[in-house]
C-alpha atoms as a PDB file:
ATOM      1  CA  MET A   1     -21.251  24.981   0.959  1.00  0.00           C
ATOM      2  CA  SER A   2     -17.826  26.277   1.860  1.00  0.00           C
ATOM      3  CA  LYS A   3     -17.026  25.647  -2.428  1.00  0.00           C
ATOM      4  CA  ASP A   4     -18.772  28.796  -3.173  1.00  0.00           C
ATOM      5  CA  ALA A   5     -16.161  30.358  -0.899  1.00  0.00           C
ATOM      6  CA  TYR A   6     -13.540  30.781  -3.574  1.00  0.00           C
ATOM      7  CA  ASN A   7     -11.060  30.145  -0.254  1.00  0.00           C
ATOM      8  CA  ALA A   8      -8.836  27.224   1.110  1.00  0.00           C
ATOM      9  CA  ALA A   9     -12.210  25.344   3.132  1.00  0.00           C
ATOM     10  CA  GLY A  10     -13.974  25.060  -0.905  1.00  0.00           C
ATOM     11  CA  PHE A  11     -10.783  24.421  -2.466  1.00  0.00           C
ATOM     12  CA  TYR A  12      -9.517  20.815   0.080  1.00  0.00           C
ATOM     13  CA  GLU A  13     -13.694  19.718  -0.339  1.00  0.00           C
ATOM     14  CA  PHE A  14     -12.563  19.732  -4.090  1.00  0.00           C
ATOM     15  CA  VAL A  15      -9.141  17.409  -3.110  1.00  0.00           C
ATOM     16  CA  ALA A  16     -11.180  15.149  -1.218  1.00  0.00           C
ATOM     17  CA  GLU A  17     -13.507  14.559  -5.136  1.00  0.00           C
ATOM     18  CA  LYS A  18     -10.526  13.885  -6.362  1.00  0.00           C
ATOM     19  CA  LYS A  19     -10.609  16.623  -8.241  1.00  0.00           C
ATOM     20  CA  LEU A  20      -7.418  19.731  -8.575  1.00  0.00           C
ATOM     21  CA  MET A  21      -9.321  24.020  -8.617  1.00  0.00           C
ATOM     22  CA  GLY A  22      -7.441  27.087  -8.569  1.00  0.00           C
ATOM     23  CA  THR A  23      -9.195  29.935  -9.213  1.00  0.00           C
ATOM     24  CA  ARG A  24      -9.419  32.474 -11.888  1.00  0.00           C
ATOM     25  CA  CYS A  25     -10.390  36.163 -12.280  1.00  0.00           C
ATOM     26  CA  LYS A  26     -12.728  36.860 -14.312  1.00  0.00           C
ATOM     27  CA  SER A  27     -11.020  40.698 -15.346  1.00  0.00           C
ATOM     28  CA  SER A  28      -7.578  39.778 -15.722  1.00  0.00           C
ATOM     29  CA  GLY A  29      -7.846  36.315 -16.931  1.00  0.00           C
ATOM     30  CA  GLU A  30      -4.842  35.785 -13.963  1.00  0.00           C
ATOM     31  CA  LEU A  31      -4.648  31.449 -12.198  1.00  0.00           C
ATOM     32  CA  PHE A  32      -4.677  30.755  -8.844  1.00  0.00           C
ATOM     33  CA  LEU A  33      -3.063  27.559  -7.272  1.00  0.00           C
ATOM     34  CA  PRO A  34      -3.718  27.588  -3.479  1.00  0.00           C
ATOM     35  CA  PRO A  35      -7.330  29.395  -4.356  1.00  0.00           C
ATOM     36  CA  ARG A  36      -7.831  33.288  -3.912  1.00  0.00           C
ATOM     37  CA  PRO A  37     -10.582  35.292  -2.961  1.00  0.00           C
ATOM     38  CA  PHE A  38      -9.695  38.266  -5.484  1.00  0.00           C
ATOM     39  CA  SER A  39      -7.172  39.337  -7.823  1.00  0.00           C
ATOM     40  CA  PRO A  40      -3.968  40.505  -6.174  1.00  0.00           C
ATOM     41  CA  SER A  41      -3.068  42.806  -9.491  1.00  0.00           C
ATOM     42  CA  CYS A  42      -6.497  43.725  -9.612  1.00  0.00           C
ATOM     43  CA  SER A  43      -8.223  43.549  -6.930  1.00  0.00           C
ATOM     44  CA  SER A  44     -11.115  42.264  -8.246  1.00  0.00           C
ATOM     45  CA  GLY A  45     -12.991  39.830  -6.397  1.00  0.00           C
ATOM     46  CA  GLU A  46     -14.757  38.347  -9.630  1.00  0.00           C
ATOM     47  CA  MET A  47     -13.469  34.849  -9.344  1.00  0.00           C
ATOM     48  CA  GLU A  48     -14.244  31.619 -11.026  1.00  0.00           C
ATOM     49  CA  TRP A  49     -13.580  27.830 -10.410  1.00  0.00           C
ATOM     50  CA  VAL A  50     -10.808  26.706 -12.898  1.00  0.00           C
ATOM     51  CA  GLU A  51     -10.216  22.566 -13.065  1.00  0.00           C
ATOM     52  CA  MET A  52      -6.816  22.125 -13.592  1.00  0.00           C
ATOM     53  CA  SER A  53      -4.975  19.794 -15.553  1.00  0.00           C
ATOM     54  CA  GLY A  54      -3.155  17.898 -12.884  1.00  0.00           C
ATOM     55  CA  LYS A  55       0.536  17.802 -15.466  1.00  0.00           C
ATOM     56  CA  GLY A  56       3.377  20.242 -15.335  1.00  0.00           C
ATOM     57  CA  LYS A  57       6.971  20.078 -14.592  1.00  0.00           C
ATOM     58  CA  LEU A  58       9.094  19.278 -10.971  1.00  0.00           C
ATOM     59  CA  GLU A  59      10.495  23.161 -10.044  1.00  0.00           C
ATOM     60  CA  ALA A  60      12.379  22.020  -6.882  1.00  0.00           C
ATOM     61  CA  PHE A  61      12.590  19.227  -4.407  1.00  0.00           C
ATOM     62  CA  THR A  62      13.698  18.458  -1.035  1.00  0.00           C
ATOM     63  CA  VAL A  63      14.631  14.792   0.053  1.00  0.00           C
ATOM     64  CA  THR A  64      13.109  14.524   3.537  1.00  0.00           C
ATOM     65  CA  LEU A  65      14.128  12.114   6.495  1.00  0.00           C
ATOM     66  CA  PHE A  66      12.320  13.088   9.741  1.00  0.00           C
ATOM     67  CA  GLY A  67       8.997  15.023   8.869  1.00  0.00           C
ATOM     68  CA  PRO A  68       6.178  16.323  10.333  1.00  0.00           C
ATOM     69  CA  THR A  69       4.019  13.600  13.182  1.00  0.00           C
ATOM     70  CA  ARG A  70       1.584  13.429  10.018  1.00  0.00           C
ATOM     71  CA  MET A  71       4.150  12.006   7.972  1.00  0.00           C
ATOM     72  CA  VAL A  72       5.977   9.805  10.553  1.00  0.00           C
ATOM     73  CA  GLU A  73       2.581   8.741  12.029  1.00  0.00           C
ATOM     74  CA  ALA A  74       2.678   7.508   8.081  1.00  0.00           C
ATOM     75  CA  GLY A  75       5.361   5.896   7.776  1.00  0.00           C
ATOM     76  CA  TYR A  76       7.852   7.865   6.894  1.00  0.00           C
ATOM     77  CA  GLY A  77      11.564   9.033   8.334  1.00  0.00           C
ATOM     78  CA  PRO A  78      14.856   7.741   8.044  1.00  0.00           C
ATOM     79  CA  LYS A  79      14.574   4.470   6.547  1.00  0.00           C
ATOM     80  CA  ASN A  80      11.846   5.592   4.025  1.00  0.00           C
ATOM     81  CA  PRO A  81      12.203   9.042   2.999  1.00  0.00           C
ATOM     82  CA  TYR A  82      10.185  10.979   1.203  1.00  0.00           C
ATOM     83  CA  CYS A  83      10.070  13.940  -1.111  1.00  0.00           C
ATOM     84  CA  VAL A  84       8.271  17.481  -1.271  1.00  0.00           C
ATOM     85  CA  GLY A  85       8.243  19.901  -3.845  1.00  0.00           C
ATOM     86  CA  ILE A  86       7.437  22.355  -6.356  1.00  0.00           C
ATOM     87  CA  VAL A  87       5.239  21.345  -9.645  1.00  0.00           C
ATOM     88  CA  ARG A  88       4.838  24.467 -12.680  1.00  0.00           C
ATOM     89  CA  LEU A  89       1.258  23.883 -14.018  1.00  0.00           C
ATOM     90  CA  ASP A  90       1.101  23.344 -17.510  1.00  0.00           C
ATOM     91  CA  GLU A  91      -1.586  26.568 -16.776  1.00  0.00           C
ATOM     92  CA  GLY A  92       0.800  28.957 -14.816  1.00  0.00           C
ATOM     93  CA  PRO A  93       0.990  27.814 -11.374  1.00  0.00           C
ATOM     94  CA  ALA A  94       3.118  26.278  -8.833  1.00  0.00           C
ATOM     95  CA  ILE A  95       2.319  23.812  -5.878  1.00  0.00           C
ATOM     96  CA  SER A  96       3.481  22.235  -3.605  1.00  0.00           C
ATOM     97  CA  ALA A  97       2.750  18.767  -2.684  1.00  0.00           C
ATOM     98  CA  GLN A  98       4.618  14.861  -1.874  1.00  0.00           C
ATOM     99  CA  ILE A  99       6.575  14.014  -4.981  1.00  0.00           C
ATOM    100  CA  LEU A 100       6.347  10.123  -6.201  1.00  0.00           C
ATOM    101  CA  GLY A 101       8.178   7.678  -8.671  1.00  0.00           C
ATOM    102  CA  LEU A 102      11.212   8.900  -7.964  1.00  0.00           C
ATOM    103  CA  ASP A 103      14.117   6.952  -6.611  1.00  0.00           C
ATOM    104  CA  LEU A 104      15.422   8.861  -3.909  1.00  0.00           C
ATOM    105  CA  THR A 105      17.957   6.482  -3.220  1.00  0.00           C
ATOM    106  CA  LYS A 106      20.071   8.489  -5.376  1.00  0.00           C
ATOM    107  CA  PRO A 107      17.892  12.376  -5.196  1.00  0.00           C
ATOM    108  CA  GLU A 108      21.575  14.156  -7.167  1.00  0.00           C
ATOM    109  CA  ALA A 109      19.813  11.992 -10.131  1.00  0.00           C
ATOM    110  CA  ILE A 110      16.718  14.057  -9.639  1.00  0.00           C
ATOM    111  CA  LYS A 111      16.177  16.327 -12.186  1.00  0.00           C
ATOM    112  CA  ILE A 112      13.950  19.932 -12.455  1.00  0.00           C
ATOM    113  CA  GLY A 113      11.719  19.850 -15.413  1.00  0.00           C
ATOM    114  CA  THR A 114      11.010  16.420 -14.941  1.00  0.00           C
ATOM    115  CA  PRO A 115       7.625  15.912 -16.420  1.00  0.00           C
ATOM    116  CA  MET A 116       5.309  15.167 -13.824  1.00  0.00           C
ATOM    117  CA  GLY A 117       1.438  13.709 -13.049  1.00  0.00           C
ATOM    118  CA  LEU A 118      -0.737  14.681 -10.628  1.00  0.00           C
ATOM    119  CA  THR A 119      -2.411  11.511  -7.485  1.00  0.00           C
ATOM    120  CA  PHE A 120      -4.449  12.131  -4.787  1.00  0.00           C
ATOM    121  CA  ILE A 121      -3.114  10.184  -1.917  1.00  0.00           C
ATOM    122  CA  ASP A 122      -5.977   9.159   0.760  1.00  0.00           C
ATOM    123  CA  ARG A 123      -4.326   8.395   4.561  1.00  0.00           C
ATOM    124  CA  THR A 124      -5.716   7.695   7.708  1.00  0.00           C
ATOM    125  CA  GLU A 125      -5.365  10.303   9.765  1.00  0.00           C
ATOM    126  CA  GLY A 126      -6.841   8.509  13.639  1.00  0.00           C
ATOM    127  CA  GLU A 127     -10.135   8.298  12.572  1.00  0.00           C
ATOM    128  CA  GLU A 128     -10.515  10.166  10.053  1.00  0.00           C
ATOM    129  CA  LYS A 129     -10.044  10.225   5.910  1.00  0.00           C
ATOM    130  CA  LYS A 130      -8.161  12.507   3.580  1.00  0.00           C
ATOM    131  CA  THR A 131      -6.832  13.042   0.565  1.00  0.00           C
ATOM    132  CA  TYR A 132      -3.912  14.949  -0.141  1.00  0.00           C
ATOM    133  CA  ILE A 133      -2.457  16.093  -3.688  1.00  0.00           C
ATOM    134  CA  GLY A 134       0.839  14.264  -5.136  1.00  0.00           C
ATOM    135  CA  PHE A 135       2.529  14.176  -8.567  1.00  0.00           C
ATOM    136  CA  LYS A 136       4.266  11.276  -9.482  1.00  0.00           C
ATOM    137  CA  ALA A 137       7.282  11.131 -12.833  1.00  0.00           C
ATOM    138  CA  THR A 138       5.415  10.548 -15.816  1.00  0.00           C
END
């Protein structure tokens, strides 16, 4: 099972279960999200999975009119833009994800520091169901 390896495959298995998991170095205590198989600061490979709270603050964002094929197929485009941002979690790590719950018609009103909460986005791509990480303004 790939959850035994501290890598992206294990991470996405947890996302499919609607869990946001990072890794923590057992030597230094550093948290990583996305997960890492070893600590870049101490080179330790002694890692463990840690569930994140999913609470944080918006650190950066962009409103996108023209996205990749999978976003166009999900219904996004010039008349239905979407927002992608970086959320700094309360635990420290930051992660990129789709941002929901903001007025995208007025991007100038979106504020850095807006509190965010984790949500999961289920999409069907072809015949496959996939789950993605998202955040909503709280």
